[in-house]
Each structure stands twice: as structure tokens, then as C-alpha cells.
Amino acid sequence: MKNMTLADWQDLLVAEIGPDRCLDEYYCDLICAANEMLRLGLVDRKEWHGQIQQAGDWLVAAIEQEQAGK
């Protein structure tokens, strides 16, 4: 985690997650990673806020995609 950059974190947003992976768990992982980056001083408040917004947008899009597939 200490070596994670903002670009690395953003790569997580576009990574394919397996069918065995729960959307909620992946979302929590995104949030936890963003929080840890803030704690370590790897991002500032504005960047962190952007990460949280992107993670929320990712979750909404993933749920919409999941619903469309049903």
C-alpha cells in the first residue's frame, strides 16, 4: 500500500472483478485503499474526495450493469 499511487488506485476502478467477487466487498476495498492513502499522506483531501466520488460512481455503474444483465 505504501507504494500505491493515485494512478494505481484508479487502475483498480477499471480492473475486471471475477464473478466470485462481491461488488460491495470490492467497493469497500476501494474505500479502504483510498483511506489508507490519505493516512499515509499519499493523497491530499481533494484527491481523496475525488477517489471516494469515483468509487461511488463505480459502484452505481456496476449495480446498474448487474441489473441490466438480469
PDB file of N, CA and C in Angstrom:
ATOM      1  N   MET A   1       0.826  -1.199   0.000  1.00  0.00           N
ATOM      2  CA  MET A   1       0.000   0.000   0.000  1.00  0.00           C
ATOM      3  C   MET A   1       0.866   1.257   0.000  1.00  0.00           C
ATOM      4  N   LYS A   2       1.989   1.202   0.680  1.00  0.00           N
ATOM      5  CA  LYS A   2       2.821   2.396   0.783  1.00  0.00           C
ATOM      6  C   LYS A   2       3.330   2.856  -0.573  1.00  0.00           C
ATOM      7  N   ASN A   3       3.410   1.944  -1.529  1.00  0.00           N
ATOM      8  CA  ASN A   3       3.913   2.291  -2.849  1.00  0.00           C
ATOM      9  C   ASN A   3       2.792   2.590  -3.836  1.00  0.00           C
ATOM     10  N   MET A   4       1.543   2.501  -3.402  1.00  0.00           N
ATOM     11  CA  MET A   4       0.415   2.726  -4.303  1.00  0.00           C
ATOM     12  C   MET A   4       0.319   4.205  -4.656  1.00  0.00           C
ATOM     13  N   THR A   5       0.156   4.462  -5.930  1.00  0.00           N
ATOM     14  CA  THR A   5      -0.028   5.832  -6.400  1.00  0.00           C
ATOM     15  C   THR A   5      -1.498   6.037  -6.736  1.00  0.00           C
ATOM     16  N   LEU A   6      -1.852   7.270  -6.978  1.00  0.00           N
ATOM     17  CA  LEU A   6      -3.219   7.573  -7.380  1.00  0.00           C
ATOM     18  C   LEU A   6      -3.548   6.847  -8.684  1.00  0.00           C
ATOM     19  N   ALA A   7      -2.582   6.764  -9.589  1.00  0.00           N
ATOM     20  CA  ALA A   7      -2.795   6.043 -10.856  1.00  0.00           C
ATOM     21  C   ALA A   7      -3.034   4.555 -10.603  1.00  0.00           C
ATOM     22  N   ASP A   8      -2.299   3.969  -9.648  1.00  0.00           N
ATOM     23  CA  ASP A   8      -2.512   2.560  -9.299  1.00  0.00           C
ATOM     24  C   ASP A   8      -3.927   2.359  -8.774  1.00  0.00           C
ATOM     25  N   TRP A   9      -4.362   3.275  -7.925  1.00  0.00           N
ATOM     26  CA  TRP A   9      -5.702   3.167  -7.359  1.00  0.00           C
ATOM     27  C   TRP A   9      -6.748   3.257  -8.467  1.00  0.00           C
ATOM     28  N   GLN A  10      -6.548   4.180  -9.406  1.00  0.00           N
ATOM     29  CA  GLN A  10      -7.503   4.343 -10.500  1.00  0.00           C
ATOM     30  C   GLN A  10      -7.535   3.107 -11.393  1.00  0.00           C
ATOM     31  N   ASP A  11      -6.408   2.392 -11.480  1.00  0.00           N
ATOM     32  CA  ASP A  11      -6.393   1.133 -12.225  1.00  0.00           C
ATOM     33  C   ASP A  11      -7.342   0.116 -11.593  1.00  0.00           C
ATOM     34  N   LEU A  12      -7.504   0.186 -10.268  1.00  0.00           N
ATOM     35  CA  LEU A  12      -8.433  -0.719  -9.592  1.00  0.00           C
ATOM     36  C   LEU A  12      -9.873  -0.480 -10.050  1.00  0.00           C
ATOM     37  N   LEU A  13     -10.171   0.765 -10.417  1.00  0.00           N
ATOM     38  CA  LEU A  13     -11.527   1.097 -10.864  1.00  0.00           C
ATOM     39  C   LEU A  13     -11.887   0.424 -12.181  1.00  0.00           C
ATOM     40  N   VAL A  14     -10.903   0.169 -13.011  1.00  0.00           N
ATOM     41  CA  VAL A  14     -11.173  -0.413 -14.328  1.00  0.00           C
ATOM     42  C   VAL A  14     -10.814  -1.892 -14.393  1.00  0.00           C
ATOM     43  N   ALA A  15     -10.303  -2.432 -13.297  1.00  0.00           N
ATOM     44  CA  ALA A  15      -9.937  -3.846 -13.274  1.00  0.00           C
ATOM     45  C   ALA A  15     -11.193  -4.715 -13.345  1.00  0.00           C
ATOM     46  N   GLU A  16     -11.063  -5.815 -14.047  1.00  0.00           N
ATOM     47  CA  GLU A  16     -12.156  -6.783 -14.102  1.00  0.00           C
ATOM     48  C   GLU A  16     -12.201  -7.520 -12.767  1.00  0.00           C
ATOM     49  N   ILE A  17     -13.383  -7.618 -12.204  1.00  0.00           N
ATOM     50  CA  ILE A  17     -13.500  -8.407 -10.980  1.00  0.00           C
ATOM     51  C   ILE A  17     -14.206  -9.704 -11.334  1.00  0.00           C
ATOM     52  N   GLY A  18     -13.770 -10.767 -10.717  1.00  0.00           N
ATOM     53  CA  GLY A  18     -14.317 -12.084 -11.016  1.00  0.00           C
ATOM     54  C   GLY A  18     -15.739 -12.240 -10.519  1.00  0.00           C
ATOM     55  N   PRO A  19     -16.436 -13.214 -11.087  1.00  0.00           N
ATOM     56  CA  PRO A  19     -17.828 -13.449 -10.680  1.00  0.00           C
ATOM     57  C   PRO A  19     -17.949 -13.906  -9.227  1.00  0.00           C
ATOM     58  N   ASP A  20     -16.844 -14.396  -8.666  1.00  0.00           N
ATOM     59  CA  ASP A  20     -16.860 -14.835  -7.273  1.00  0.00           C
ATOM     60  C   ASP A  20     -16.652 -13.676  -6.304  1.00  0.00           C
ATOM     61  N   ARG A  21     -16.429 -12.502  -6.830  1.00  0.00           N
ATOM     62  CA  ARG A  21     -16.159 -11.317  -6.007  1.00  0.00           C
ATOM     63  C   ARG A  21     -17.432 -10.503  -5.831  1.00  0.00           C
ATOM     64  N   CYS A  22     -17.749 -10.147  -4.621  1.00  0.00           N
ATOM     65  CA  CYS A  22     -18.931  -9.347  -4.296  1.00  0.00           C
ATOM     66  C   CYS A  22     -18.651  -7.870  -4.595  1.00  0.00           C
ATOM     67  N   LEU A  23     -19.605  -7.216  -5.255  1.00  0.00           N
ATOM     68  CA  LEU A  23     -19.449  -5.791  -5.570  1.00  0.00           C
ATOM     69  C   LEU A  23     -19.237  -4.962  -4.311  1.00  0.00           C
ATOM     70  N   ASP A  24     -20.006  -5.258  -3.272  1.00  0.00           N
ATOM     71  CA  ASP A  24     -19.897  -4.495  -2.029  1.00  0.00           C
ATOM     72  C   ASP A  24     -18.509  -4.640  -1.407  1.00  0.00           C
ATOM     73  N   GLU A  25     -17.952  -5.854  -1.449  1.00  0.00           N
ATOM     74  CA  GLU A  25     -16.620  -6.076  -0.891  1.00  0.00           C
ATOM     75  C   GLU A  25     -15.569  -5.308  -1.689  1.00  0.00           C
ATOM     76  N   TYR A  26     -15.700  -5.320  -3.019  1.00  0.00           N
ATOM     77  CA  TYR A  26     -14.735  -4.617  -3.860  1.00  0.00           C
ATOM     78  C   TYR A  26     -14.825  -3.109  -3.606  1.00  0.00           C
ATOM     79  N   TYR A  27     -16.054  -2.611  -3.467  1.00  0.00           N
ATOM     80  CA  TYR A  27     -16.259  -1.194  -3.158  1.00  0.00           C
ATOM     81  C   TYR A  27     -15.587  -0.854  -1.824  1.00  0.00           C
ATOM     82  N   CYS A  28     -15.772  -1.698  -0.838  1.00  0.00           N
ATOM     83  CA  CYS A  28     -15.140  -1.463   0.469  1.00  0.00           C
ATOM     84  C   CYS A  28     -13.621  -1.462   0.347  1.00  0.00           C
ATOM     85  N   ASP A  29     -13.078  -2.355  -0.495  1.00  0.00           N
ATOM     86  CA  ASP A  29     -11.632  -2.378  -0.720  1.00  0.00           C
ATOM     87  C   ASP A  29     -11.155  -1.064  -1.338  1.00  0.00           C
ATOM     88  N   LEU A  30     -11.931  -0.530  -2.287  1.00  0.00           N
ATOM     89  CA  LEU A  30     -11.577   0.750  -2.909  1.00  0.00           C
ATOM     90  C   LEU A  30     -11.552   1.868  -1.869  1.00  0.00           C
ATOM     91  N   ILE A  31     -12.581   1.908  -1.032  1.00  0.00           N
ATOM     92  CA  ILE A  31     -12.673   2.944   0.002  1.00  0.00           C
ATOM     93  C   ILE A  31     -11.540   2.794   1.015  1.00  0.00           C
ATOM     94  N   CYS A  32     -11.286   1.561   1.444  1.00  0.00           N
ATOM     95  CA  CYS A  32     -10.209   1.325   2.415  1.00  0.00           C
ATOM     96  C   CYS A  32      -8.857   1.735   1.850  1.00  0.00           C
ATOM     97  N   ALA A  33      -8.617   1.420   0.585  1.00  0.00           N
ATOM     98  CA  ALA A  33      -7.351   1.800  -0.047  1.00  0.00           C
ATOM     99  C   ALA A  33      -7.228   3.321  -0.116  1.00  0.00           C
ATOM    100  N   ALA A  34      -8.304   3.999  -0.467  1.00  0.00           N
ATOM    101  CA  ALA A  34      -8.290   5.464  -0.523  1.00  0.00           C
ATOM    102  C   ALA A  34      -8.029   6.052   0.866  1.00  0.00           C
ATOM    103  N   ASN A  35      -8.678   5.500   1.879  1.00  0.00           N
ATOM    104  CA  ASN A  35      -8.480   5.987   3.247  1.00  0.00           C
ATOM    105  C   ASN A  35      -7.036   5.797   3.695  1.00  0.00           C
ATOM    106  N   GLU A  36      -6.474   4.642   3.373  1.00  0.00           N
ATOM    107  CA  GLU A  36      -5.094   4.366   3.762  1.00  0.00           C
ATOM    108  C   GLU A  36      -4.125   5.311   3.049  1.00  0.00           C
ATOM    109  N   MET A  37      -4.399   5.600   1.791  1.00  0.00           N
ATOM    110  CA  MET A  37      -3.549   6.534   1.052  1.00  0.00           C
ATOM    111  C   MET A  37      -3.590   7.918   1.699  1.00  0.00           C
ATOM    112  N   LEU A  38      -4.762   8.328   2.181  1.00  0.00           N
ATOM    113  CA  LEU A  38      -4.885   9.610   2.874  1.00  0.00           C
ATOM    114  C   LEU A  38      -4.083   9.586   4.174  1.00  0.00           C
ATOM    115  N   ARG A  39      -4.229   8.503   4.931  1.00  0.00           N
ATOM    116  CA  ARG A  39      -3.499   8.384   6.200  1.00  0.00           C
ATOM    117  C   ARG A  39      -1.985   8.440   6.003  1.00  0.00           C
ATOM    118  N   LEU A  40      -1.525   7.837   4.910  1.00  0.00           N
ATOM    119  CA  LEU A  40      -0.083   7.792   4.642  1.00  0.00           C
ATOM    120  C   LEU A  40       0.440   9.062   3.979  1.00  0.00           C
ATOM    121  N   GLY A  41      -0.465   9.990   3.681  1.00  0.00           N
ATOM    122  CA  GLY A  41      -0.055  11.237   3.052  1.00  0.00           C
ATOM    123  C   GLY A  41       0.235  11.105   1.563  1.00  0.00           C
ATOM    124  N   LEU A  42      -0.272  10.031   0.945  1.00  0.00           N
ATOM    125  CA  LEU A  42      -0.040   9.812  -0.484  1.00  0.00           C
ATOM    126  C   LEU A  42      -0.991  10.628  -1.345  1.00  0.00           C
ATOM    127  N   VAL A  43      -2.095  11.067  -0.751  1.00  0.00           N
ATOM    128  CA  VAL A  43      -3.051  11.941  -1.439  1.00  0.00           C
ATOM    129  C   VAL A  43      -3.466  13.034  -0.466  1.00  0.00           C
ATOM    130  N   ASP A  44      -3.916  14.148  -1.012  1.00  0.00           N
ATOM    131  CA  ASP A  44      -4.440  15.204  -0.149  1.00  0.00           C
ATOM    132  C   ASP A  44      -5.961  15.059  -0.064  1.00  0.00           C
ATOM    133  N   ARG A  45      -6.567  15.943   0.701  1.00  0.00           N
ATOM    134  CA  ARG A  45      -8.011  15.866   0.938  1.00  0.00           C
ATOM    135  C   ARG A  45      -8.803  15.919  -0.361  1.00  0.00           C
ATOM    136  N   LYS A  46      -8.418  16.788  -1.279  1.00  0.00           N
ATOM    137  CA  LYS A  46      -9.136  16.933  -2.546  1.00  0.00           C
ATOM    138  C   LYS A  46      -9.027  15.650  -3.380  1.00  0.00           C
ATOM    139  N   GLU A  47      -7.820  15.081  -3.446  1.00  0.00           N
ATOM    140  CA  GLU A  47      -7.636  13.838  -4.195  1.00  0.00           C
ATOM    141  C   GLU A  47      -8.429  12.700  -3.557  1.00  0.00           C
ATOM    142  N   TRP A  48      -8.400  12.631  -2.219  1.00  0.00           N
ATOM    143  CA  TRP A  48      -9.147  11.603  -1.507  1.00  0.00           C
ATOM    144  C   TRP A  48     -10.637  11.733  -1.798  1.00  0.00           C
ATOM    145  N   HIS A  49     -11.152  12.945  -1.743  1.00  0.00           N
ATOM    146  CA  HIS A  49     -12.569  13.164  -2.015  1.00  0.00           C
ATOM    147  C   HIS A  49     -12.913  12.694  -3.425  1.00  0.00           C
ATOM    148  N   GLY A  50     -12.031  12.967  -4.373  1.00  0.00           N
ATOM    149  CA  GLY A  50     -12.232  12.501  -5.741  1.00  0.00           C
ATOM    150  C   GLY A  50     -12.257  10.984  -5.822  1.00  0.00           C
ATOM    151  N   GLN A  51     -11.385  10.337  -5.054  1.00  0.00           N
ATOM    152  CA  GLN A  51     -11.366   8.873  -5.033  1.00  0.00           C
ATOM    153  C   GLN A  51     -12.692   8.324  -4.504  1.00  0.00           C
ATOM    154  N   ILE A  52     -13.190   8.916  -3.439  1.00  0.00           N
ATOM    155  CA  ILE A  52     -14.446   8.450  -2.847  1.00  0.00           C
ATOM    156  C   ILE A  52     -15.586   8.636  -3.845  1.00  0.00           C
ATOM    157  N   GLN A  53     -15.605   9.759  -4.539  1.00  0.00           N
ATOM    158  CA  GLN A  53     -16.629  10.012  -5.561  1.00  0.00           C
ATOM    159  C   GLN A  53     -16.521   8.987  -6.688  1.00  0.00           C
ATOM    160  N   GLN A  54     -15.305   8.718  -7.150  1.00  0.00           N
ATOM    161  CA  GLN A  54     -15.106   7.745  -8.225  1.00  0.00           C
ATOM    162  C   GLN A  54     -15.532   6.346  -7.791  1.00  0.00           C
ATOM    163  N   ALA A  55     -15.228   5.985  -6.557  1.00  0.00           N
ATOM    164  CA  ALA A  55     -15.621   4.670  -6.054  1.00  0.00           C
ATOM    165  C   ALA A  55     -17.142   4.550  -6.015  1.00  0.00           C
ATOM    166  N   GLY A  56     -17.815   5.604  -5.583  1.00  0.00           N
ATOM    167  CA  GLY A  56     -19.281   5.602  -5.575  1.00  0.00           C
ATOM    168  C   GLY A  56     -19.852   5.501  -6.974  1.00  0.00           C
ATOM    169  N   ASP A  57     -19.271   6.237  -7.898  1.00  0.00           N
ATOM    170  CA  ASP A  57     -19.713   6.167  -9.295  1.00  0.00           C
ATOM    171  C   ASP A  57     -19.493   4.764  -9.855  1.00  0.00           C
ATOM    172  N   TRP A  58     -18.362   4.153  -9.494  1.00  0.00           N
ATOM    173  CA  TRP A  58     -18.063   2.792  -9.940  1.00  0.00           C
ATOM    174  C   TRP A  58     -19.130   1.824  -9.437  1.00  0.00           C
ATOM    175  N   LEU A  59     -19.478   1.942  -8.151  1.00  0.00           N
ATOM    176  CA  LEU A  59     -20.462   1.031  -7.569  1.00  0.00           C
ATOM    177  C   LEU A  59     -21.818   1.189  -8.241  1.00  0.00           C
ATOM    178  N   VAL A  60     -22.260   2.413  -8.454  1.00  0.00           N
ATOM    179  CA  VAL A  60     -23.547   2.646  -9.114  1.00  0.00           C
ATOM    180  C   VAL A  60     -23.540   2.036 -10.514  1.00  0.00           C
ATOM    181  N   ALA A  61     -22.469   2.256 -11.266  1.00  0.00           N
ATOM    182  CA  ALA A  61     -22.376   1.703 -12.622  1.00  0.00           C
ATOM    183  C   ALA A  61     -22.363   0.177 -12.591  1.00  0.00           C
ATOM    184  N   ALA A  62     -21.648  -0.408 -11.639  1.00  0.00           N
ATOM    185  CA  ALA A  62     -21.580  -1.867 -11.534  1.00  0.00           C
ATOM    186  C   ALA A  62     -22.943  -2.456 -11.183  1.00  0.00           C
ATOM    187  N   ILE A  63     -23.673  -1.804 -10.295  1.00  0.00           N
ATOM    188  CA  ILE A  63     -25.009  -2.281  -9.923  1.00  0.00           C
ATOM    189  C   ILE A  63     -25.955  -2.148 -11.106  1.00  0.00           C
ATOM    190  N   GLU A  64     -25.885  -1.033 -11.816  1.00  0.00           N
ATOM    191  CA  GLU A  64     -26.738  -0.855 -12.999  1.00  0.00           C
ATOM    192  C   GLU A  64     -26.438  -1.916 -14.051  1.00  0.00           C
ATOM    193  N   GLN A  65     -25.167  -2.224 -14.226  1.00  0.00           N
ATOM    194  CA  GLN A  65     -24.767  -3.250 -15.190  1.00  0.00           C
ATOM    195  C   GLN A  65     -25.275  -4.620 -14.739  1.00  0.00           C
ATOM    196  N   GLU A  66     -25.180  -4.883 -13.456  1.00  0.00           N
ATOM    197  CA  GLU A  66     -25.667  -6.137 -12.889  1.00  0.00           C
ATOM    198  C   GLU A  66     -27.175  -6.266 -13.100  1.00  0.00           C
ATOM    199  N   GLN A  67     -27.907  -5.185 -12.856  1.00  0.00           N
ATOM    200  CA  GLN A  67     -29.358  -5.197 -13.027  1.00  0.00           C
ATOM    201  C   GLN A  67     -29.749  -5.378 -14.490  1.00  0.00           C
ATOM    202  N   ALA A  68     -28.989  -4.805 -15.388  1.00  0.00           N
ATOM    203  CA  ALA A  68     -29.286  -4.921 -16.818  1.00  0.00           C
ATOM    204  C   ALA A  68     -29.080  -6.351 -17.305  1.00  0.00           C
ATOM    205  N   GLY A  69     -28.199  -7.077 -16.634  1.00  0.00           N
ATOM    206  CA  GLY A  69     -27.921  -8.457 -17.013  1.00  0.00           C
ATOM    207  C   GLY A  69     -28.947  -9.442 -16.507  1.00  0.00           C
ATOM    208  N   LYS A  70     -29.836  -9.004 -15.647  1.00  0.00           N
ATOM    209  CA  LYS A  70     -30.850  -9.907 -15.067  1.00  0.00           C
ATOM    210  C   LYS A  70     -32.099  -9.917 -15.882  1.00  0.00           C
TER     211      LYS A  70
END
